[in-house]
Amino acid sequence: MTNRARAGGVLVFLLAGVLLLGGGPAGAQMDLAATQYYVSSLGEVALSLSTLIQTAQASGFTTIVRSGDVVTGYLGKERTDLGEEVLVTTSPLLYVDGDLFVFQVRGPDLDYVVRPAQTGYALLLIPQRSLASGEVLPSVLRDLRSLGIAGDQAALGFTAVPRGLEKAPPPPQGVALDSALYGLTLAEDWFAYAAANGLTRVGLRVEVVAEKRSGEVFPESFRAYVVSETAELAKLLVPIHRLVELARSAAISYVRPPYQPAPQVP
């Protein structure tokens, strides 16, 4: 999350005693604007995913568990035949894909998401109206602690990211990444964005083609995600949160979605 556009700067929320500090006087509540969302790093999240799944099911949440090509959906503790495209629109939602997870909650005033980031996991606060941070942040953290997702962080630094842009900002310098894929990394809702932009999402991964640089060695840390490969190209199912890392590699000249064949004219 270190490459986010910093609209409004970094807001430092000191949680001890629910004391929130920002650009205003000490002790002032920070205003969360509906025109932005707010991202903070939770760092590494050490928990048992099987325990998290059981807790989510016992709490009546929608749970999707993907293991390889096998996807199982639950409404509470009951298995469901509803398709993934339906289940990802429900709330609260826990999506577990191998050793990764996304947890998202939608509310009338605030949505929030915990998802993988370039370093550990990130918390996104997505206000639906102008809010004071003290109205929502304590209850969000209380809920996440009850699930074992958040610990007793003394402080969270939030970066404000603009919402509702007509197109995503360009990738940072040195990141050779297609604009739609970079937009996916920034999107509030990975599931909705991928569907709306014609990207092939498989769990918490996305299908991409990496164009290789001649004479360079393909990065070994991405070898496990390769689906097929030629001397010039590699097709991968890469975790969404690692797209920027892949596109930064010296061995890669460009990362893009696979080309789709043009429909035949009858």
Protein backbone atom coordinates (compact mmCIF):
# COMPACT_ATOMS: atom_id res chain seq x y z
CA MET A 1 0.00 0.00 0.00
CA THR A 2 2.97 2.31 -0.09
CA ASN A 3 2.26 3.52 -3.63
CA ARG A 4 -1.13 5.07 -2.97
CA ALA A 5 -1.86 8.63 -4.10
CA ARG A 6 -1.75 10.71 -0.97
CA ALA A 7 -4.78 12.95 -1.18
CA GLY A 8 -5.11 14.69 2.13
CA GLY A 9 -1.90 13.25 3.51
CA VAL A 10 -1.44 10.60 6.17
CA LEU A 11 -3.84 10.59 9.09
CA VAL A 12 -2.33 9.16 12.28
CA PHE A 13 -5.02 7.65 14.52
CA LEU A 14 -3.67 6.98 18.01
CA LEU A 15 -5.97 4.34 19.40
CA ALA A 16 -4.88 4.40 23.02
CA GLY A 17 -7.94 5.76 24.80
CA VAL A 18 -9.52 6.23 21.36
CA LEU A 19 -7.45 9.37 20.88
CA LEU A 20 -7.37 10.35 17.21
CA LEU A 21 -4.90 12.90 15.92
CA GLY A 22 -4.65 14.41 12.47
CA GLY A 23 -3.94 17.77 10.91
CA GLY A 24 -6.08 19.58 13.46
CA PRO A 25 -5.57 20.25 17.17
CA ALA A 26 -4.50 17.41 19.44
CA GLY A 27 -7.39 15.16 20.39
CA ALA A 28 -9.57 16.28 17.46
CA GLN A 29 -11.63 13.70 15.59
CA MET A 30 -10.65 13.19 11.98
CA ASP A 31 -13.36 13.69 9.38
CA LEU A 32 -13.76 10.85 6.90
CA ALA A 33 -15.07 12.16 3.58
CA ALA A 34 -17.29 10.10 1.30
CA THR A 35 -15.11 11.22 -1.64
CA GLN A 36 -12.15 9.23 -0.32
CA TYR A 37 -11.36 5.90 1.25
CA TYR A 38 -8.69 5.32 3.87
CA VAL A 39 -5.99 2.63 3.94
CA SER A 40 -3.82 1.47 6.82
CA SER A 41 -1.40 -1.42 7.22
CA LEU A 42 -2.23 -4.05 9.81
CA GLY A 43 1.12 -5.71 9.21
CA GLU A 44 1.39 -9.48 9.30
CA VAL A 45 -1.78 -11.23 10.47
CA ALA A 46 -0.93 -14.46 12.27
CA LEU A 47 -4.03 -16.59 12.70
CA SER A 48 -5.44 -19.99 11.92
CA LEU A 49 -7.54 -19.74 8.76
CA SER A 50 -9.53 -22.81 9.77
CA THR A 51 -10.43 -21.10 13.05
CA LEU A 52 -11.31 -17.89 11.19
CA ILE A 53 -13.58 -19.85 8.85
CA GLN A 54 -15.32 -21.56 11.77
CA THR A 55 -15.80 -18.25 13.58
CA ALA A 56 -17.22 -16.59 10.45
CA GLN A 57 -19.62 -19.48 9.87
CA ALA A 58 -20.76 -19.50 13.51
CA SER A 59 -21.39 -15.75 13.21
CA GLY A 60 -23.69 -16.28 10.20
CA PHE A 61 -21.34 -14.70 7.65
CA THR A 62 -21.08 -15.67 4.00
CA THR A 63 -17.91 -17.73 3.58
CA ILE A 64 -16.22 -18.79 0.34
CA VAL A 65 -13.37 -21.28 0.57
CA ARG A 66 -11.24 -21.96 -2.50
CA SER A 67 -8.76 -24.82 -2.50
CA GLY A 68 -7.16 -25.17 -5.92
CA ASP A 69 -10.03 -25.35 -8.38
CA VAL A 70 -12.59 -26.38 -5.76
CA VAL A 71 -14.82 -23.60 -4.45
CA THR A 72 -17.26 -24.14 -1.57
CA GLY A 73 -19.74 -21.50 -0.42
CA TYR A 74 -21.50 -21.25 2.93
CA LEU A 75 -24.29 -19.10 4.31
CA GLY A 76 -23.56 -19.33 7.99
CA LYS A 77 -22.82 -23.01 8.64
CA GLU A 78 -24.89 -24.27 5.73
CA ARG A 79 -23.38 -25.06 2.34
CA THR A 80 -24.98 -23.22 -0.56
CA ASP A 81 -25.17 -23.78 -4.29
CA LEU A 82 -25.34 -20.04 -4.97
CA GLY A 83 -22.68 -18.97 -7.47
CA GLU A 84 -19.59 -17.07 -6.43
CA GLU A 85 -20.70 -14.04 -8.44
CA VAL A 86 -23.71 -13.79 -6.10
CA LEU A 87 -21.92 -14.63 -2.86
CA VAL A 88 -19.24 -11.93 -3.31
CA THR A 89 -21.98 -9.28 -3.25
CA THR A 90 -23.19 -10.32 0.22
CA SER A 91 -22.05 -9.01 3.59
CA PRO A 92 -20.32 -9.82 5.85
CA LEU A 93 -18.11 -11.88 3.54
CA LEU A 94 -15.03 -13.96 4.25
CA TYR A 95 -13.21 -15.22 1.14
CA VAL A 96 -10.36 -17.66 1.77
CA ASP A 97 -8.12 -18.63 -1.15
CA GLY A 98 -5.34 -20.97 -0.09
CA ASP A 99 -3.35 -19.09 2.54
CA LEU A 100 -4.89 -15.68 1.74
CA PHE A 101 -8.17 -14.11 2.80
CA VAL A 102 -10.38 -11.08 2.27
CA PHE A 103 -12.92 -10.00 4.86
CA GLN A 104 -15.37 -7.27 3.93
CA VAL A 105 -18.40 -5.70 5.58
CA ARG A 106 -20.90 -3.30 4.03
CA GLY A 107 -22.99 -0.94 6.14
CA PRO A 108 -25.28 2.02 5.60
CA ASP A 109 -22.61 4.50 6.70
CA LEU A 110 -19.32 2.63 6.33
CA ASP A 111 -17.88 -0.30 4.41
CA TYR A 112 -14.61 -1.82 5.52
CA VAL A 113 -12.27 -4.42 4.06
CA VAL A 114 -9.27 -6.39 5.28
CA ARG A 115 -7.22 -7.83 2.44
CA PRO A 116 -3.67 -8.83 1.47
CA ALA A 117 -1.26 -6.00 0.79
CA GLN A 118 2.34 -5.71 -0.35
CA THR A 119 3.36 -6.00 3.31
CA GLY A 120 1.00 -8.13 5.36
CA TYR A 121 -2.65 -7.07 5.35
CA ALA A 122 -4.38 -3.73 4.91
CA LEU A 123 -7.52 -2.24 6.45
CA LEU A 124 -9.69 -0.08 4.18
CA LEU A 125 -12.33 2.27 5.62
CA ILE A 126 -14.87 3.30 2.96
CA PRO A 127 -17.33 5.93 4.25
CA GLN A 128 -20.70 6.28 2.51
CA ARG A 129 -21.19 9.73 4.05
CA SER A 130 -19.07 12.20 5.99
CA LEU A 131 -18.17 10.64 9.33
CA ALA A 132 -16.04 11.39 12.35
CA SER A 133 -13.47 8.64 12.72
CA GLY A 134 -14.41 8.13 16.36
CA GLU A 135 -17.91 7.10 15.27
CA VAL A 136 -16.70 4.02 13.42
CA LEU A 137 -13.08 3.05 14.00
CA PRO A 138 -13.40 1.66 17.56
CA SER A 139 -16.24 -0.69 16.59
CA VAL A 140 -14.40 -1.84 13.43
CA LEU A 141 -11.29 -2.71 15.42
CA ARG A 142 -13.36 -4.40 18.13
CA ASP A 143 -14.98 -6.61 15.48
CA LEU A 144 -11.63 -7.44 13.88
CA ARG A 145 -10.08 -8.29 17.23
CA SER A 146 -12.96 -10.63 18.02
CA LEU A 147 -12.11 -12.51 14.80
CA GLY A 148 -8.39 -12.54 15.60
CA ILE A 149 -7.59 -10.38 12.57
CA ALA A 150 -6.40 -7.26 14.39
CA GLY A 151 -4.21 -7.09 17.44
CA ASP A 152 -3.70 -4.31 19.95
CA GLN A 153 -2.07 -1.80 17.64
CA ALA A 154 -1.09 1.39 19.42
CA ALA A 155 -1.49 3.48 16.28
CA LEU A 156 -2.67 3.23 12.72
CA GLY A 157 -1.54 5.61 10.01
CA PHE A 158 -4.17 6.02 7.29
CA THR A 159 -3.59 7.21 3.75
CA ALA A 160 -6.54 8.88 2.02
CA VAL A 161 -7.23 7.71 -1.55
CA PRO A 162 -9.61 9.53 -3.94
CA ARG A 163 -12.79 7.72 -4.96
CA GLY A 164 -14.90 8.01 -8.10
CA LEU A 165 -12.08 8.81 -10.50
CA GLU A 166 -12.97 8.34 -14.17
CA LYS A 167 -9.78 6.35 -14.62
CA ALA A 168 -7.07 5.04 -12.35
CA PRO A 169 -3.92 7.11 -11.88
CA PRO A 170 -0.89 5.88 -13.83
CA PRO A 171 1.29 3.28 -12.11
CA PRO A 172 4.32 4.56 -10.22
CA GLN A 173 7.54 5.04 -12.12
CA GLY A 174 9.26 1.72 -12.73
CA VAL A 175 6.02 -0.28 -12.54
CA ALA A 176 5.29 -1.61 -16.06
CA LEU A 177 1.66 -2.50 -15.40
CA ASP A 178 -1.47 -2.20 -17.52
CA SER A 179 -3.74 0.60 -16.28
CA ALA A 180 -6.75 -1.69 -15.69
CA LEU A 181 -4.62 -4.02 -13.59
CA TYR A 182 -3.19 -1.13 -11.61
CA GLY A 183 -6.74 0.09 -11.10
CA LEU A 184 -7.59 -3.34 -9.69
CA THR A 185 -4.87 -3.01 -7.05
CA LEU A 186 -6.42 0.31 -5.97
CA ALA A 187 -10.07 -0.72 -6.21
CA GLU A 188 -12.17 -0.69 -3.07
CA ASP A 189 -13.85 -3.94 -4.15
CA TRP A 190 -11.60 -6.33 -6.07
CA PHE A 191 -14.50 -8.59 -7.00
CA ALA A 192 -16.72 -5.88 -8.49
CA TYR A 193 -13.85 -4.12 -10.27
CA ALA A 194 -12.55 -7.27 -11.95
CA ALA A 195 -16.03 -8.17 -13.20
CA ALA A 196 -16.73 -4.64 -14.46
CA ASN A 197 -13.42 -4.41 -16.30
CA GLY A 198 -13.38 -7.81 -17.96
CA LEU A 199 -10.48 -9.15 -15.91
CA THR A 200 -10.30 -12.89 -15.25
CA ARG A 201 -10.24 -13.26 -11.47
CA VAL A 202 -9.72 -16.66 -9.90
CA GLY A 203 -10.17 -16.37 -6.16
CA LEU A 204 -7.86 -13.64 -4.95
CA ARG A 205 -5.69 -13.92 -8.07
CA VAL A 206 -5.99 -12.50 -11.56
CA GLU A 207 -4.95 -13.84 -14.94
CA VAL A 208 -2.15 -11.84 -16.55
CA VAL A 209 0.54 -12.10 -19.20
CA ALA A 210 4.05 -11.01 -18.30
CA GLU A 211 6.21 -9.94 -21.23
CA LYS A 212 9.78 -10.98 -20.52
CA ARG A 213 12.97 -9.05 -21.08
CA SER A 214 15.49 -10.87 -23.25
CA GLY A 215 18.39 -12.31 -21.30
CA GLU A 216 16.81 -11.82 -17.87
CA VAL A 217 15.90 -14.60 -15.43
CA PHE A 218 12.20 -14.90 -14.63
CA PRO A 219 11.64 -14.04 -10.93
CA GLU A 220 11.65 -17.28 -8.96
CA SER A 221 9.16 -16.00 -6.38
CA PHE A 222 6.49 -15.91 -9.12
CA ARG A 223 7.32 -19.27 -10.66
CA ALA A 224 4.55 -21.06 -8.72
CA TYR A 225 1.92 -18.82 -10.37
CA VAL A 226 2.93 -19.60 -13.97
CA VAL A 227 0.20 -21.36 -15.96
CA SER A 228 2.00 -21.53 -19.30
CA GLU A 229 5.17 -20.05 -20.74
CA THR A 230 7.13 -19.35 -23.90
CA ALA A 231 10.54 -17.76 -24.36
CA GLU A 232 8.93 -14.30 -24.61
CA LEU A 233 5.77 -14.55 -22.48
CA ALA A 234 4.51 -16.07 -19.24
CA LYS A 235 0.83 -16.47 -18.39
CA LEU A 236 0.19 -16.34 -14.66
CA LEU A 237 -2.55 -16.42 -12.06
CA VAL A 238 -0.92 -13.93 -9.73
CA PRO A 239 -2.24 -12.73 -6.36
CA ILE A 240 -3.80 -9.30 -6.86
CA HIS A 241 -1.72 -7.72 -4.12
CA ARG A 242 1.51 -8.83 -5.87
CA LEU A 243 0.81 -7.28 -9.27
CA VAL A 244 2.94 -4.20 -8.60
CA GLU A 245 5.79 -6.36 -7.32
CA LEU A 246 5.72 -8.47 -10.50
CA ALA A 247 5.61 -5.39 -12.73
CA ARG A 248 8.65 -3.94 -10.92
CA SER A 249 10.82 -6.94 -11.73
CA ALA A 250 13.85 -6.22 -13.91
CA ALA A 251 13.03 -9.40 -15.84
CA ILE A 252 9.59 -8.14 -16.91
CA SER A 253 9.01 -5.46 -19.53
CA TYR A 254 5.20 -5.27 -19.14
CA VAL A 255 2.31 -6.96 -17.32
CA ARG A 256 -1.10 -6.94 -19.01
CA PRO A 257 -4.31 -8.94 -19.26
CA PRO A 258 -4.32 -11.68 -21.90
CA TYR A 259 -5.43 -10.50 -25.31
CA GLN A 260 -8.99 -11.54 -26.10
CA PRO A 261 -9.75 -12.76 -29.62
CA ALA A 262 -12.03 -10.48 -31.62
CA PRO A 263 -15.54 -11.90 -32.09
CA GLN A 264 -16.16 -13.38 -35.51
CA VAL A 265 -18.46 -11.41 -37.75
CA PRO A 266 -21.24 -13.67 -39.10
